């Protein structure tokens, strides 16, 4: 794939296609190394984030986890419902 090098502030860069980033797990930081053949870009281990859940089971798991945390915080008095879809967080200093 041929890409144009663009000016970004006082530096230069390229736009990496979303498909490439998704294949790598959508890393937030990468290691950039010059080599004799060109430039190598590698994701840094432990710095990978994913946007959307992969399947329905993962979606349900994330929903159960979030619901459990909300219920725990309601029981301990850290949050309370203020409206149909709004919560208020109690901050202790």
C-alpha atoms as a PDB file:
ATOM      1  CA  UNK A   1       0.000   0.000   0.000  1.00  0.00           C
ATOM      2  CA  UNK A   2       1.375   3.396  -0.955  1.00  0.00           C
ATOM      3  CA  UNK A   3       0.699   6.269   1.482  1.00  0.00           C
ATOM      4  CA  UNK A   4       1.584   9.967   1.306  1.00  0.00           C
ATOM      5  CA  UNK A   5       3.714  11.494   4.043  1.00  0.00           C
ATOM      6  CA  UNK A   6       1.894  14.466   5.598  1.00  0.00           C
ATOM      7  CA  UNK A   7       2.978  17.419   7.712  1.00  0.00           C
ATOM      8  CA  UNK A   8       1.772  17.129  11.314  1.00  0.00           C
ATOM      9  CA  UNK A   9       2.894  20.218  13.209  1.00  0.00           C
ATOM     10  CA  UNK A  10       6.704  20.321  13.007  1.00  0.00           C
ATOM     11  CA  UNK A  11       6.833  16.587  12.181  1.00  0.00           C
ATOM     12  CA  UNK A  12       5.728  14.283   9.380  1.00  0.00           C
ATOM     13  CA  UNK A  13       3.486  11.226   9.485  1.00  0.00           C
ATOM     14  CA  UNK A  14       1.148   8.857   7.701  1.00  0.00           C
ATOM     15  CA  UNK A  15      -2.445   7.850   8.360  1.00  0.00           C
ATOM     16  CA  UNK A  16      -2.628   4.166   9.347  1.00  0.00           C
ATOM     17  CA  UNK A  17      -5.761   2.451   7.995  1.00  0.00           C
ATOM     18  CA  UNK A  18      -8.288   1.423  10.658  1.00  0.00           C
ATOM     19  CA  UNK A  19      -8.253  -2.181   9.404  1.00  0.00           C
ATOM     20  CA  UNK A  20      -4.533  -2.469  10.191  1.00  0.00           C
ATOM     21  CA  UNK A  21      -5.033  -1.097  13.708  1.00  0.00           C
ATOM     22  CA  UNK A  22      -7.988  -3.403  14.370  1.00  0.00           C
ATOM     23  CA  UNK A  23      -5.891  -6.406  13.301  1.00  0.00           C
ATOM     24  CA  UNK A  24      -3.320  -5.396  15.940  1.00  0.00           C
ATOM     25  CA  UNK A  25      -5.945  -4.912  18.667  1.00  0.00           C
ATOM     26  CA  UNK A  26      -6.218  -1.110  18.357  1.00  0.00           C
ATOM     27  CA  UNK A  27      -3.006  -0.230  20.217  1.00  0.00           C
ATOM     28  CA  UNK A  28      -2.796   3.172  21.904  1.00  0.00           C
ATOM     29  CA  UNK A  29       1.024   3.288  21.775  1.00  0.00           C
ATOM     30  CA  UNK A  30       3.508   1.764  19.349  1.00  0.00           C
ATOM     31  CA  UNK A  31       7.255   1.267  19.100  1.00  0.00           C
ATOM     32  CA  UNK A  32       8.722   2.837  15.941  1.00  0.00           C
ATOM     33  CA  UNK A  33      12.148   1.553  14.861  1.00  0.00           C
ATOM     34  CA  UNK A  34      14.242   2.405  11.788  1.00  0.00           C
ATOM     35  CA  UNK A  35      15.842  -0.590  10.019  1.00  0.00           C
ATOM     36  CA  UNK A  36      17.879  -1.104   6.863  1.00  0.00           C
ATOM     37  CA  UNK A  37      14.686  -2.127   5.022  1.00  0.00           C
ATOM     38  CA  UNK A  38      12.525   0.727   6.310  1.00  0.00           C
ATOM     39  CA  UNK A  39      10.491   1.618   9.413  1.00  0.00           C
ATOM     40  CA  UNK A  40       8.935  -1.032  11.674  1.00  0.00           C
ATOM     41  CA  UNK A  41       5.883  -0.136  13.784  1.00  0.00           C
ATOM     42  CA  UNK A  42       5.032  -2.595  16.596  1.00  0.00           C
ATOM     43  CA  UNK A  43       2.320  -2.373  19.272  1.00  0.00           C
ATOM     44  CA  UNK A  44       3.636  -2.114  22.833  1.00  0.00           C
ATOM     45  CA  UNK A  45       2.557  -5.136  24.896  1.00  0.00           C
ATOM     46  CA  UNK A  46      -0.087  -4.319  27.488  1.00  0.00           C
ATOM     47  CA  UNK A  47      -1.161  -1.104  25.755  1.00  0.00           C
ATOM     48  CA  UNK A  48      -3.905  -2.584  23.566  1.00  0.00           C
ATOM     49  CA  UNK A  49      -7.509  -1.417  23.812  1.00  0.00           C
ATOM     50  CA  UNK A  50     -10.585  -2.571  21.976  1.00  0.00           C
ATOM     51  CA  UNK A  51     -13.546  -0.406  21.154  1.00  0.00           C
ATOM     52  CA  UNK A  52     -16.493  -2.677  20.472  1.00  0.00           C
ATOM     53  CA  UNK A  53     -17.159  -6.108  22.001  1.00  0.00           C
ATOM     54  CA  UNK A  54     -16.468  -8.964  19.581  1.00  0.00           C
ATOM     55  CA  UNK A  55     -19.658 -10.963  20.071  1.00  0.00           C
ATOM     56  CA  UNK A  56     -22.909 -11.196  22.029  1.00  0.00           C
ATOM     57  CA  UNK A  57     -21.349 -13.218  24.887  1.00  0.00           C
ATOM     58  CA  UNK A  58     -18.714 -10.541  25.443  1.00  0.00           C
ATOM     59  CA  UNK A  59     -21.401  -7.833  25.338  1.00  0.00           C
ATOM     60  CA  UNK A  60     -23.465  -9.668  27.965  1.00  0.00           C
ATOM     61  CA  UNK A  61     -20.382 -10.191  30.140  1.00  0.00           C
ATOM     62  CA  UNK A  62     -19.506  -6.485  30.041  1.00  0.00           C
ATOM     63  CA  UNK A  63     -23.126  -5.558  30.852  1.00  0.00           C
ATOM     64  CA  UNK A  64     -23.193  -7.927  33.862  1.00  0.00           C
ATOM     65  CA  UNK A  65     -19.864  -6.537  35.114  1.00  0.00           C
ATOM     66  CA  UNK A  66     -21.036  -2.912  34.801  1.00  0.00           C
ATOM     67  CA  UNK A  67     -24.384  -3.718  36.454  1.00  0.00           C
ATOM     68  CA  UNK A  68     -22.657  -5.453  39.359  1.00  0.00           C
ATOM     69  CA  UNK A  69     -20.374  -2.465  39.956  1.00  0.00           C
ATOM     70  CA  UNK A  70     -23.328  -0.051  39.850  1.00  0.00           C
ATOM     71  CA  UNK A  71     -25.349  -2.211  42.272  1.00  0.00           C
ATOM     72  CA  UNK A  72     -22.371  -2.466  44.665  1.00  0.00           C
ATOM     73  CA  UNK A  73     -21.904   1.319  44.636  1.00  0.00           C
ATOM     74  CA  UNK A  74     -25.613   1.915  45.239  1.00  0.00           C
ATOM     75  CA  UNK A  75     -25.586  -0.468  48.242  1.00  0.00           C
ATOM     76  CA  UNK A  76     -22.530   1.216  49.774  1.00  0.00           C
ATOM     77  CA  UNK A  77     -23.983   4.705  49.246  1.00  0.00           C
ATOM     78  CA  UNK A  78     -21.362   5.871  46.752  1.00  0.00           C
ATOM     79  CA  UNK A  79     -23.931   6.642  44.044  1.00  0.00           C
ATOM     80  CA  UNK A  80     -27.673   7.247  43.873  1.00  0.00           C
ATOM     81  CA  UNK A  81     -30.212   7.578  41.088  1.00  0.00           C
ATOM     82  CA  UNK A  82     -31.261  11.164  40.417  1.00  0.00           C
ATOM     83  CA  UNK A  83     -33.426  10.611  37.339  1.00  0.00           C
ATOM     84  CA  UNK A  84     -34.599   8.000  34.912  1.00  0.00           C
ATOM     85  CA  UNK A  85     -31.126   7.508  33.411  1.00  0.00           C
ATOM     86  CA  UNK A  86     -28.882   9.673  35.601  1.00  0.00           C
ATOM     87  CA  UNK A  87     -26.734   8.896  38.609  1.00  0.00           C
ATOM     88  CA  UNK A  88     -24.989  11.106  41.111  1.00  0.00           C
ATOM     89  CA  UNK A  89     -21.634  10.095  42.597  1.00  0.00           C
ATOM     90  CA  UNK A  90     -20.892  10.863  46.251  1.00  0.00           C
ATOM     91  CA  UNK A  91     -17.334  12.084  46.705  1.00  0.00           C
ATOM     92  CA  UNK A  92     -15.775  11.770  50.149  1.00  0.00           C
ATOM     93  CA  UNK A  93     -12.830  13.979  51.030  1.00  0.00           C
END
